[in-house]
């Protein structure tokens, strides 16, 4: 994958629509840019078009209308395999192969890319340390790991071949609140160090505000707003206000001693 366009735009949606034949539009007239090194959070309720947008970026889906550009080139003009190998993909529940060890799971893309065995082993060790895991876990199978450990392995696998772009589809959504908060902090530190271009799907406003450099709020297959966390907090858009009110923490009433 090339170093990209001069203006820093890595991913661009131009008037993109996606619909099943004869069905309603899952996405309609989406215009959006993702800049190099930013973490764009796709926020919205189920069915708003977040995951569809993600799948259009790595050509798991093709737009019905408009163009999806990656590094200045329409996805239809990319070699599909080359495009996907330049994009790390991390999903909820990690999506690990249960019959592969941690090492084989993380080393999958480097193996396909014909890296030497020693280089793969060194990369696996490096990545396990990077995501806060003991390299001794390399020989274990996913069923022998906790949910948080599996998700860390999923992040490591997405980073294995050092792709410039990361797509993350609610990667921490299935974890308990404490583990999720730990991984969010680790991911934020990791991103500040690696400066990947990240598109991250979430339905959690707190996660979006904590991790994102910008938040793209989606509703009914349309983009409502794309704002920085501070702009989002100050926005008067009715739907933004609805989200802010929904996620506002209630104040417990003080009880007098009985």
Protein backbone atom coordinates (compact mmCIF):
# COMPACT_ATOMS: atom_id res chain seq x y z
CA UNK A 1 0.00 0.00 0.00
CA UNK A 2 1.34 3.41 -0.96
CA UNK A 3 2.07 6.28 1.39
CA UNK A 4 -1.12 7.98 0.26
CA UNK A 5 -2.32 11.30 -0.99
CA UNK A 6 -0.54 14.57 -0.37
CA UNK A 7 -3.38 16.20 1.57
CA UNK A 8 -3.40 13.48 4.23
CA UNK A 9 -6.77 11.98 3.28
CA UNK A 10 -6.44 8.21 3.52
CA UNK A 11 -10.08 7.12 3.17
CA UNK A 12 -12.83 9.01 1.38
CA UNK A 13 -16.52 8.31 0.77
CA UNK A 14 -17.97 10.25 -2.17
CA UNK A 15 -21.78 10.19 -2.46
CA UNK A 16 -21.78 6.55 -1.39
CA UNK A 17 -24.96 4.51 -1.27
CA UNK A 18 -25.40 0.81 -0.58
CA UNK A 19 -28.60 -1.18 -0.93
CA UNK A 20 -29.62 -4.75 -1.54
CA UNK A 21 -31.41 -5.28 -4.90
CA UNK A 22 -34.99 -4.15 -4.51
CA UNK A 23 -34.43 -3.23 -0.88
CA UNK A 24 -34.02 -0.02 1.12
CA UNK A 25 -30.72 1.82 1.27
CA UNK A 26 -28.45 0.71 4.13
CA UNK A 27 -26.32 3.76 3.30
CA UNK A 28 -27.45 6.85 1.43
CA UNK A 29 -25.35 9.72 0.05
CA UNK A 30 -22.47 9.25 2.50
CA UNK A 31 -19.67 11.80 2.19
CA UNK A 32 -16.83 11.40 4.65
CA UNK A 33 -13.06 11.75 4.83
CA UNK A 34 -10.63 10.06 7.21
CA UNK A 35 -7.27 11.75 7.69
CA UNK A 36 -3.95 10.05 8.19
CA UNK A 37 -3.31 9.10 11.82
CA UNK A 38 -6.77 9.93 13.13
CA UNK A 39 -9.20 7.70 14.98
CA UNK A 40 -12.64 8.20 13.46
CA UNK A 41 -15.42 6.74 15.60
CA UNK A 42 -18.54 5.61 13.74
CA UNK A 43 -21.26 6.06 16.35
CA UNK A 44 -24.89 5.05 16.01
CA UNK A 45 -27.58 2.62 16.99
CA UNK A 46 -27.94 -0.83 15.39
CA UNK A 47 -28.88 -0.57 11.72
CA UNK A 48 -27.50 2.95 11.27
CA UNK A 49 -24.94 1.84 8.66
CA UNK A 50 -21.75 1.69 10.73
CA UNK A 51 -20.61 -1.84 9.90
CA UNK A 52 -21.71 -1.45 6.27
CA UNK A 53 -19.41 1.58 6.04
CA UNK A 54 -16.55 -0.44 7.49
CA UNK A 55 -17.07 -3.29 5.02
CA UNK A 56 -17.07 -0.88 2.08
CA UNK A 57 -13.58 0.33 3.05
CA UNK A 58 -11.91 -3.07 2.67
CA UNK A 59 -14.16 -4.09 -0.25
CA UNK A 60 -16.13 -6.75 1.59
CA UNK A 61 -19.02 -4.82 0.03
CA UNK A 62 -19.06 -2.69 -3.12
CA UNK A 63 -20.98 0.60 -3.22
CA UNK A 64 -24.23 0.66 -5.18
CA UNK A 65 -23.57 4.31 -5.97
CA UNK A 66 -20.61 6.63 -5.51
CA UNK A 67 -16.97 5.89 -4.78
CA UNK A 68 -14.96 4.64 -1.83
CA UNK A 69 -11.34 5.74 -2.11
CA UNK A 70 -8.42 4.29 -0.15
CA UNK A 71 -5.11 6.12 -0.52
CA UNK A 72 -6.64 8.11 -3.40
CA UNK A 73 -7.74 5.07 -5.41
CA UNK A 74 -11.28 3.71 -5.75
CA UNK A 75 -11.65 0.32 -4.10
CA UNK A 76 -12.87 -1.17 -7.40
CA UNK A 77 -9.48 -0.27 -8.92
CA UNK A 78 -7.47 -1.96 -6.18
CA UNK A 79 -6.29 -5.53 -6.27
CA UNK A 80 -8.67 -6.80 -3.58
CA UNK A 81 -6.09 -9.00 -1.86
CA UNK A 82 -3.47 -6.24 -1.79
CA UNK A 83 -6.03 -3.77 -0.43
CA UNK A 84 -7.06 -6.07 2.41
CA UNK A 85 -3.51 -6.97 3.38
CA UNK A 86 -2.87 -3.27 3.92
CA UNK A 87 -5.80 -3.05 6.34
CA UNK A 88 -5.92 -4.61 9.80
CA UNK A 89 -9.39 -5.84 10.79
CA UNK A 90 -10.46 -6.42 14.38
CA UNK A 91 -13.96 -7.51 15.38
CA UNK A 92 -15.98 -8.25 18.50
CA UNK A 93 -15.04 -11.56 20.18
CA UNK A 94 -11.66 -11.28 18.34
CA UNK A 95 -12.67 -13.76 15.59
CA UNK A 96 -9.69 -16.01 16.30
CA UNK A 97 -9.32 -19.42 14.67
CA UNK A 98 -9.96 -21.85 17.55
CA UNK A 99 -7.72 -24.61 16.14
CA UNK A 100 -4.75 -22.24 15.74
CA UNK A 101 -2.40 -21.30 18.54
CA UNK A 102 -2.01 -17.66 19.50
CA UNK A 103 1.21 -17.56 17.50
CA UNK A 104 -0.45 -18.94 14.37
CA UNK A 105 -3.41 -16.58 14.74
CA UNK A 106 -1.20 -13.50 15.04
CA UNK A 107 1.21 -14.69 12.35
CA UNK A 108 -1.48 -15.49 9.77
CA UNK A 109 -1.00 -12.51 7.44
CA UNK A 110 2.83 -12.49 7.75
CA UNK A 111 2.75 -16.20 6.85
CA UNK A 112 0.62 -15.46 3.78
CA UNK A 113 3.11 -12.71 2.93
CA UNK A 114 5.89 -15.35 3.06
CA UNK A 115 7.78 -13.90 5.99
CA UNK A 116 10.55 -16.14 7.34
CA UNK A 117 9.63 -18.21 10.39
CA UNK A 118 12.07 -16.46 12.72
CA UNK A 119 10.78 -13.05 11.66
CA UNK A 120 7.21 -14.16 12.38
CA UNK A 121 8.17 -15.49 15.83
CA UNK A 122 9.95 -12.24 16.66
CA UNK A 123 6.95 -10.22 15.47
CA UNK A 124 4.54 -12.31 17.56
CA UNK A 125 6.68 -11.78 20.66
CA UNK A 126 6.90 -8.06 19.97
CA UNK A 127 3.14 -7.72 19.49
CA UNK A 128 2.20 -9.76 22.55
CA UNK A 129 4.34 -7.43 24.64
CA UNK A 130 2.86 -4.42 22.84
CA UNK A 131 -0.72 -5.40 23.76
CA UNK A 132 0.22 -6.30 27.34
CA UNK A 133 0.38 -10.09 27.14
CA UNK A 134 3.05 -12.54 28.26
CA UNK A 135 4.85 -13.95 25.18
CA UNK A 136 4.59 -17.37 26.86
CA UNK A 137 0.93 -17.34 25.77
CA UNK A 138 2.01 -17.83 22.15
CA UNK A 139 1.63 -21.61 22.38
CA UNK A 140 -1.88 -21.51 23.87
CA UNK A 141 -5.19 -21.85 22.05
CA UNK A 142 -7.99 -19.23 22.19
CA UNK A 143 -10.15 -21.40 24.48
CA UNK A 144 -7.36 -21.27 27.08
CA UNK A 145 -7.49 -17.46 27.26
CA UNK A 146 -9.84 -15.04 28.99
CA UNK A 147 -12.10 -12.77 26.95
CA UNK A 148 -9.79 -9.81 27.50
CA UNK A 149 -6.75 -11.84 26.47
CA UNK A 150 -8.48 -13.04 23.30
CA UNK A 151 -9.37 -9.48 22.38
CA UNK A 152 -5.78 -8.38 22.90
CA UNK A 153 -4.67 -11.19 20.59
CA UNK A 154 -7.23 -9.94 18.06
CA UNK A 155 -5.68 -6.47 18.17
CA UNK A 156 -2.20 -7.99 17.83
CA UNK A 157 -3.31 -9.99 14.79
CA UNK A 158 -4.72 -6.85 13.16
CA UNK A 159 -1.33 -5.16 13.67
CA UNK A 160 0.80 -8.14 12.59
CA UNK A 161 1.90 -6.97 9.14
CA UNK A 162 2.06 -3.32 10.30
CA UNK A 163 -0.86 -2.11 8.15
CA UNK A 164 -1.35 1.65 7.84
CA UNK A 165 -5.13 1.32 8.33
CA UNK A 166 -7.09 -0.39 11.12
CA UNK A 167 -10.81 -1.19 10.95
CA UNK A 168 -12.34 -2.08 14.31
CA UNK A 169 -15.92 -3.28 14.64
CA UNK A 170 -16.99 -2.95 18.29
CA UNK A 171 -13.85 -4.85 19.36
CA UNK A 172 -14.45 -4.37 23.09
CA UNK A 173 -18.25 -4.59 23.05
CA UNK A 174 -18.57 -8.11 24.51
CA UNK A 175 -16.26 -7.54 27.47
CA UNK A 176 -17.17 -6.72 31.04
CA UNK A 177 -17.01 -3.05 32.00
CA UNK A 178 -13.67 -3.20 33.86
CA UNK A 179 -11.85 -5.20 31.18
CA UNK A 180 -13.33 -2.97 28.51
CA UNK A 181 -12.08 0.18 30.26
CA UNK A 182 -8.60 -1.35 30.61
CA UNK A 183 -8.45 -2.21 26.91
CA UNK A 184 -9.71 1.21 25.89
CA UNK A 185 -6.87 2.82 27.86
CA UNK A 186 -4.33 0.42 26.36
CA UNK A 187 -5.64 1.00 22.85
CA UNK A 188 -5.47 4.78 23.29
CA UNK A 189 -1.83 4.53 24.44
CA UNK A 190 -1.06 2.17 21.57
CA UNK A 191 -2.62 4.49 18.99
CA UNK A 192 -0.75 7.51 20.36
CA UNK A 193 2.44 5.52 19.82
CA UNK A 194 1.67 3.94 16.42
CA UNK A 195 -0.44 6.68 14.80
CA UNK A 196 -2.43 4.33 12.58
CA UNK A 197 -5.43 5.53 10.60
CA UNK A 198 -8.32 3.95 12.51
CA UNK A 199 -12.04 3.64 11.74
CA UNK A 200 -13.73 2.31 14.87
CA UNK A 201 -17.39 1.25 15.11
CA UNK A 202 -19.15 1.73 18.44
CA UNK A 203 -22.60 2.34 19.88
CA UNK A 204 -21.10 3.65 23.13
CA UNK A 205 -20.81 7.44 23.34
CA UNK A 206 -18.33 7.27 26.22
CA UNK A 207 -16.03 5.05 24.16
CA UNK A 208 -16.37 7.41 21.18
CA UNK A 209 -15.51 10.47 23.26
CA UNK A 210 -12.58 8.74 24.96
CA UNK A 211 -10.90 7.18 21.92
CA UNK A 212 -11.88 9.33 18.96
CA UNK A 213 -10.23 12.31 17.35
CA UNK A 214 -13.57 12.72 15.53
CA UNK A 215 -17.01 11.21 15.95
CA UNK A 216 -19.16 10.46 12.90
CA UNK A 217 -22.74 10.07 14.11
CA UNK A 218 -24.90 7.94 11.82
CA UNK A 219 -28.65 7.40 11.73
CA UNK A 220 -30.73 5.50 9.18
CA UNK A 221 -27.82 5.06 6.78
CA UNK A 222 -26.97 8.76 6.73
CA UNK A 223 -24.20 10.82 8.28
CA UNK A 224 -25.67 13.26 10.81
CA UNK A 225 -22.45 14.98 11.90
CA UNK A 226 -18.68 14.46 11.99
CA UNK A 227 -17.27 16.38 14.94
CA UNK A 228 -14.37 16.44 17.37
CA UNK A 229 -15.27 15.21 20.87
CA UNK A 230 -15.38 18.80 22.13
CA UNK A 231 -17.56 19.92 19.21
CA UNK A 232 -19.83 16.93 19.80
CA UNK A 233 -20.29 17.84 23.46
CA UNK A 234 -21.24 21.41 22.48
CA UNK A 235 -23.40 20.56 19.45
CA UNK A 236 -27.04 21.66 19.39
CA UNK A 237 -28.01 19.09 16.76
CA UNK A 238 -31.17 17.36 18.05
CA UNK A 239 -29.83 13.83 17.53
CA UNK A 240 -26.48 14.69 19.15
CA UNK A 241 -28.42 16.14 22.08
CA UNK A 242 -30.43 12.93 22.27
CA UNK A 243 -27.24 10.90 22.58
CA UNK A 244 -25.76 13.21 25.19
CA UNK A 245 -28.93 13.02 27.27
CA UNK A 246 -29.14 9.22 26.93
CA UNK A 247 -25.58 8.74 28.19
CA UNK A 248 -25.76 11.32 30.98
CA UNK A 249 -24.98 9.67 34.30
CA UNK A 250 -27.86 9.91 36.78
CA UNK A 251 -27.05 11.38 40.16
CA UNK A 252 -28.05 8.99 42.98
CA UNK A 253 -30.36 10.56 45.54
CA UNK A 254 -28.82 10.85 48.96
CA UNK A 255 -30.59 8.74 51.54
CA UNK A 256 -30.87 9.85 55.11
CA UNK A 257 -29.82 7.22 57.66
CA UNK A 258 -32.79 5.16 58.70
